Amino acid sequence: MKDELKKLAELGLGSRLNRLSGIVMKEIQLVYDRAGIDFDPYLFPIFKIITDSETVTNSYIQESLQYTQPAITQALNKLTDKSLISFKTDVNDKRKKLFYLTKKGREAHKRMVPLWKVMDTQVKELTTFTADSLTAHISHLEGKLQEQALSTRILQNFQH
């Protein structure tokens, strides 16, 4: 089957990055599901910032990730709905919410860390090579992912 996006070369860069992102997120979701972890990979960057700090504000997350405020608010709401995080009001500034991990969030984090290490290793293995252009790099990565799914690579190397 012909890949029309690939034929667009650099003109199709944004669309190819979007497609690749979708593939990676779907594969990571499969890994979380198979590991029995109720987590959405799109929430990872925000969850990770919260796990790395005792408490964080919405604006700190926004500055750190350079995401839009609505995207951060939506993710914080999802993490709160899953009971992975909670918040308290800042005693010095009642307008600020301080987000932190709940007990369930700390337990989930503890289960995720070994998985994240395997994910990191597998993605490094897939993306460490030389290419003449970003589109060539993407083509190589897409080819590797067609040979063996990212979720398969991760789960084969994950020791429960």
C-alpha atoms as a PDB file:
ATOM      1  CA  MET A   1       0.000   0.000   0.000  1.00  0.00           C
ATOM      2  CA  LYS A   2       1.268   3.447  -0.899  1.00  0.00           C
ATOM      3  CA  ASP A   3       1.883   5.928   1.873  1.00  0.00           C
ATOM      4  CA  GLU A   4       0.613   9.214   0.497  1.00  0.00           C
ATOM      5  CA  LEU A   5       1.909  11.195   3.501  1.00  0.00           C
ATOM      6  CA  LYS A   6       5.407   9.868   2.924  1.00  0.00           C
ATOM      7  CA  LYS A   7       5.224  11.023  -0.711  1.00  0.00           C
ATOM      8  CA  LEU A   8       4.531  14.575   0.495  1.00  0.00           C
ATOM      9  CA  ALA A   9       8.043  14.638   2.004  1.00  0.00           C
ATOM     10  CA  GLU A  10       8.692  17.759   4.101  1.00  0.00           C
ATOM     11  CA  LEU A  11       5.305  19.259   3.167  1.00  0.00           C
ATOM     12  CA  GLY A  12       3.628  16.440   5.073  1.00  0.00           C
ATOM     13  CA  LEU A  13       5.840  16.755   8.153  1.00  0.00           C
ATOM     14  CA  GLY A  14       3.126  17.968  10.527  1.00  0.00           C
ATOM     15  CA  SER A  15       0.716  15.255   9.432  1.00  0.00           C
ATOM     16  CA  ARG A  16       3.374  12.563   9.724  1.00  0.00           C
ATOM     17  CA  LEU A  17       4.355  13.717  13.209  1.00  0.00           C
ATOM     18  CA  ASN A  18       0.677  13.681  14.180  1.00  0.00           C
ATOM     19  CA  ARG A  19       0.227  10.152  12.803  1.00  0.00           C
ATOM     20  CA  LEU A  20       3.389   8.942  14.536  1.00  0.00           C
ATOM     21  CA  SER A  21       2.255  10.499  17.819  1.00  0.00           C
ATOM     22  CA  GLY A  22      -1.089   8.716  17.521  1.00  0.00           C
ATOM     23  CA  ILE A  23       0.626   5.378  16.903  1.00  0.00           C
ATOM     24  CA  VAL A  24       2.971   5.815  19.871  1.00  0.00           C
ATOM     25  CA  MET A  25       0.165   6.880  22.225  1.00  0.00           C
ATOM     26  CA  LYS A  26      -2.013   3.934  21.158  1.00  0.00           C
ATOM     27  CA  GLU A  27       0.876   1.520  21.733  1.00  0.00           C
ATOM     28  CA  ILE A  28       1.701   2.984  25.149  1.00  0.00           C
ATOM     29  CA  GLN A  29      -1.989   2.737  26.105  1.00  0.00           C
ATOM     30  CA  LEU A  30      -1.833  -0.984  25.244  1.00  0.00           C
ATOM     31  CA  VAL A  31       1.186  -1.350  27.539  1.00  0.00           C
ATOM     32  CA  TYR A  32      -0.608   0.336  30.458  1.00  0.00           C
ATOM     33  CA  ASP A  33      -3.708  -1.788  29.826  1.00  0.00           C
ATOM     34  CA  ARG A  34      -1.738  -5.048  29.711  1.00  0.00           C
ATOM     35  CA  ALA A  35       0.142  -4.057  32.875  1.00  0.00           C
ATOM     36  CA  GLY A  36      -3.207  -3.438  34.606  1.00  0.00           C
ATOM     37  CA  ILE A  37      -2.552   0.283  35.097  1.00  0.00           C
ATOM     38  CA  ASP A  38      -5.503   2.630  34.576  1.00  0.00           C
ATOM     39  CA  PHE A  39      -3.640   5.512  32.963  1.00  0.00           C
ATOM     40  CA  ASP A  40      -3.856   7.658  29.846  1.00  0.00           C
ATOM     41  CA  PRO A  41      -0.459   8.277  28.182  1.00  0.00           C
ATOM     42  CA  TYR A  42      -1.536  11.812  27.241  1.00  0.00           C
ATOM     43  CA  LEU A  43      -1.513  12.602  30.973  1.00  0.00           C
ATOM     44  CA  PHE A  44       2.091  11.477  31.431  1.00  0.00           C
ATOM     45  CA  PRO A  45       3.942  14.839  31.230  1.00  0.00           C
ATOM     46  CA  ILE A  46       1.671  16.492  33.792  1.00  0.00           C
ATOM     47  CA  PHE A  47       1.618  13.442  36.075  1.00  0.00           C
ATOM     48  CA  LYS A  48       5.434  13.253  35.897  1.00  0.00           C
ATOM     49  CA  ILE A  49       5.852  16.899  36.903  1.00  0.00           C
ATOM     50  CA  ILE A  50       3.572  16.307  39.894  1.00  0.00           C
ATOM     51  CA  THR A  51       5.465  13.136  40.889  1.00  0.00           C
ATOM     52  CA  ASP A  52       8.744  15.058  40.794  1.00  0.00           C
ATOM     53  CA  SER A  53       7.526  17.715  43.253  1.00  0.00           C
ATOM     54  CA  GLU A  54       5.799  17.732  46.592  1.00  0.00           C
ATOM     55  CA  THR A  55       3.214  20.201  45.306  1.00  0.00           C
ATOM     56  CA  VAL A  56       2.885  22.162  42.065  1.00  0.00           C
ATOM     57  CA  THR A  57       0.685  24.942  40.787  1.00  0.00           C
ATOM     58  CA  ASN A  58      -1.209  25.019  37.532  1.00  0.00           C
ATOM     59  CA  SER A  59       1.015  27.894  36.334  1.00  0.00           C
ATOM     60  CA  TYR A  60       4.202  25.979  37.160  1.00  0.00           C
ATOM     61  CA  ILE A  61       2.992  23.070  35.012  1.00  0.00           C
ATOM     62  CA  GLN A  62       2.031  25.468  32.221  1.00  0.00           C
ATOM     63  CA  GLU A  63       5.450  27.163  32.284  1.00  0.00           C
ATOM     64  CA  SER A  64       7.276  23.828  32.444  1.00  0.00           C
ATOM     65  CA  LEU A  65       5.453  22.163  29.551  1.00  0.00           C
ATOM     66  CA  GLN A  66       4.388  25.201  27.528  1.00  0.00           C
ATOM     67  CA  TYR A  67       0.954  23.627  27.058  1.00  0.00           C
ATOM     68  CA  THR A  68      -2.175  25.739  26.847  1.00  0.00           C
ATOM     69  CA  GLN A  69      -3.967  26.461  30.101  1.00  0.00           C
ATOM     70  CA  PRO A  70      -7.146  24.630  28.951  1.00  0.00           C
ATOM     71  CA  ALA A  71      -5.100  21.507  28.095  1.00  0.00           C
ATOM     72  CA  ILE A  72      -3.494  21.518  31.541  1.00  0.00           C
ATOM     73  CA  THR A  73      -6.806  22.091  33.296  1.00  0.00           C
ATOM     74  CA  GLN A  74      -8.368  19.210  31.346  1.00  0.00           C
ATOM     75  CA  ALA A  75      -5.487  16.868  32.242  1.00  0.00           C
ATOM     76  CA  LEU A  76      -5.559  17.906  35.912  1.00  0.00           C
ATOM     77  CA  ASN A  77      -9.293  17.214  35.981  1.00  0.00           C
ATOM     78  CA  LYS A  78      -8.763  13.757  34.474  1.00  0.00           C
ATOM     79  CA  LEU A  79      -6.003  12.953  36.979  1.00  0.00           C
ATOM     80  CA  THR A  80      -8.261  14.177  39.790  1.00  0.00           C
ATOM     81  CA  ASP A  81     -11.192  12.104  38.478  1.00  0.00           C
ATOM     82  CA  LYS A  82      -8.937   9.028  38.508  1.00  0.00           C
ATOM     83  CA  SER A  83      -8.021   9.925  42.128  1.00  0.00           C
ATOM     84  CA  LEU A  84      -4.329  10.032  41.205  1.00  0.00           C
ATOM     85  CA  ILE A  85      -3.921  13.643  42.323  1.00  0.00           C
ATOM     86  CA  SER A  86      -5.696  16.098  44.562  1.00  0.00           C
ATOM     87  CA  PHE A  87      -5.199  19.723  45.477  1.00  0.00           C
ATOM     88  CA  LYS A  88      -5.251  22.082  48.388  1.00  0.00           C
ATOM     89  CA  THR A  89      -5.526  25.849  48.442  1.00  0.00           C
ATOM     90  CA  ASP A  90      -2.285  27.770  48.948  1.00  0.00           C
ATOM     91  CA  VAL A  91      -2.381  29.338  52.436  1.00  0.00           C
ATOM     92  CA  ASN A  92      -0.497  32.416  51.172  1.00  0.00           C
ATOM     93  CA  ASP A  93      -2.618  32.929  48.054  1.00  0.00           C
ATOM     94  CA  LYS A  94      -6.160  31.572  48.169  1.00  0.00           C
ATOM     95  CA  ARG A  95      -6.412  31.836  44.363  1.00  0.00           C
ATOM     96  CA  LYS A  96      -3.706  29.176  43.877  1.00  0.00           C
ATOM     97  CA  LYS A  97      -4.287  25.444  43.933  1.00  0.00           C
ATOM     98  CA  LEU A  98      -1.402  23.194  44.948  1.00  0.00           C
ATOM     99  CA  PHE A  99      -1.591  19.794  43.235  1.00  0.00           C
ATOM    100  CA  TYR A 100      -0.083  16.686  44.782  1.00  0.00           C
ATOM    101  CA  LEU A 101      -0.175  12.899  44.458  1.00  0.00           C
ATOM    102  CA  THR A 102      -2.788  10.987  46.402  1.00  0.00           C
ATOM    103  CA  LYS A 103      -2.040   7.625  47.982  1.00  0.00           C
ATOM    104  CA  LYS A 104      -3.490   5.979  44.860  1.00  0.00           C
ATOM    105  CA  GLY A 105      -1.285   8.252  42.722  1.00  0.00           C
ATOM    106  CA  ARG A 106       1.848   7.310  44.674  1.00  0.00           C
ATOM    107  CA  GLU A 107       0.993   3.605  44.311  1.00  0.00           C
ATOM    108  CA  ALA A 108       0.360   3.992  40.564  1.00  0.00           C
ATOM    109  CA  HIS A 109       3.617   5.927  40.200  1.00  0.00           C
ATOM    110  CA  LYS A 110       5.511   3.158  41.977  1.00  0.00           C
ATOM    111  CA  ARG A 111       4.080   0.623  39.496  1.00  0.00           C
ATOM    112  CA  MET A 112       4.808   2.867  36.490  1.00  0.00           C
ATOM    113  CA  VAL A 113       8.481   3.633  37.161  1.00  0.00           C
ATOM    114  CA  PRO A 114       9.836   0.208  36.084  1.00  0.00           C
ATOM    115  CA  LEU A 115       7.591   0.357  33.018  1.00  0.00           C
ATOM    116  CA  TRP A 116       8.812   3.869  32.158  1.00  0.00           C
ATOM    117  CA  LYS A 117      12.410   2.634  32.288  1.00  0.00           C
ATOM    118  CA  VAL A 118      11.648  -0.084  29.729  1.00  0.00           C
ATOM    119  CA  MET A 119       9.664   2.386  27.585  1.00  0.00           C
ATOM    120  CA  ASP A 120      12.573   4.819  27.647  1.00  0.00           C
ATOM    121  CA  THR A 121      15.087   2.127  26.669  1.00  0.00           C
ATOM    122  CA  GLN A 122      12.939   0.812  23.825  1.00  0.00           C
ATOM    123  CA  VAL A 123      12.217   4.263  22.403  1.00  0.00           C
ATOM    124  CA  LYS A 124      15.941   5.106  22.580  1.00  0.00           C
ATOM    125  CA  GLU A 125      16.743   1.906  20.690  1.00  0.00           C
ATOM    126  CA  LEU A 126      14.178   2.781  18.027  1.00  0.00           C
ATOM    127  CA  THR A 127      15.271   6.390  17.615  1.00  0.00           C
ATOM    128  CA  THR A 128      19.052   6.202  17.916  1.00  0.00           C
ATOM    129  CA  PHE A 129      20.388   6.281  14.366  1.00  0.00           C
ATOM    130  CA  THR A 130      21.623   8.779  11.818  1.00  0.00           C
ATOM    131  CA  ALA A 131      19.428  10.202   9.084  1.00  0.00           C
ATOM    132  CA  ASP A 132      19.882  13.017   6.587  1.00  0.00           C
ATOM    133  CA  SER A 133      16.574  14.675   7.447  1.00  0.00           C
ATOM    134  CA  LEU A 134      13.778  14.564   9.960  1.00  0.00           C
ATOM    135  CA  THR A 135      11.443  12.970   7.411  1.00  0.00           C
ATOM    136  CA  ALA A 136      14.028  10.242   6.737  1.00  0.00           C
ATOM    137  CA  HIS A 137      14.295   9.712  10.489  1.00  0.00           C
ATOM    138  CA  ILE A 138      10.502   9.409  10.734  1.00  0.00           C
ATOM    139  CA  SER A 139      10.435   6.939   7.813  1.00  0.00           C
ATOM    140  CA  HIS A 140      13.041   4.768   9.526  1.00  0.00           C
ATOM    141  CA  LEU A 141      11.116   4.847  12.807  1.00  0.00           C
ATOM    142  CA  GLU A 142       7.806   4.053  11.090  1.00  0.00           C
ATOM    143  CA  GLY A 143       9.485   1.096   9.378  1.00  0.00           C
ATOM    144  CA  LYS A 144      10.801  -0.225  12.701  1.00  0.00           C
ATOM    145  CA  LEU A 145       7.347   0.119  14.273  1.00  0.00           C
ATOM    146  CA  GLN A 146       5.815  -1.815  11.371  1.00  0.00           C
ATOM    147  CA  GLU A 147       8.351  -4.610  11.895  1.00  0.00           C
ATOM    148  CA  GLN A 148       7.418  -4.917  15.571  1.00  0.00           C
ATOM    149  CA  ALA A 149       4.879  -2.916  17.545  1.00  0.00           C
ATOM    150  CA  LEU A 150       6.205  -0.649  20.281  1.00  0.00           C
ATOM    151  CA  SER A 151       3.909  -2.299  22.826  1.00  0.00           C
ATOM    152  CA  THR A 152       5.344  -5.726  21.941  1.00  0.00           C
ATOM    153  CA  ARG A 153       8.918  -4.432  22.301  1.00  0.00           C
ATOM    154  CA  ILE A 154       8.151  -2.947  25.701  1.00  0.00           C
ATOM    155  CA  LEU A 155       6.165  -5.869  27.093  1.00  0.00           C
ATOM    156  CA  GLN A 156       8.804  -8.401  25.959  1.00  0.00           C
ATOM    157  CA  ASN A 157      11.411  -6.501  27.984  1.00  0.00           C
ATOM    158  CA  PHE A 158       9.288  -5.742  31.036  1.00  0.00           C
ATOM    159  CA  GLN A 159       9.803  -7.916  34.110  1.00  0.00           C
ATOM    160  CA  HIS A 160       6.687  -7.750  36.304  1.00  0.00           C
END
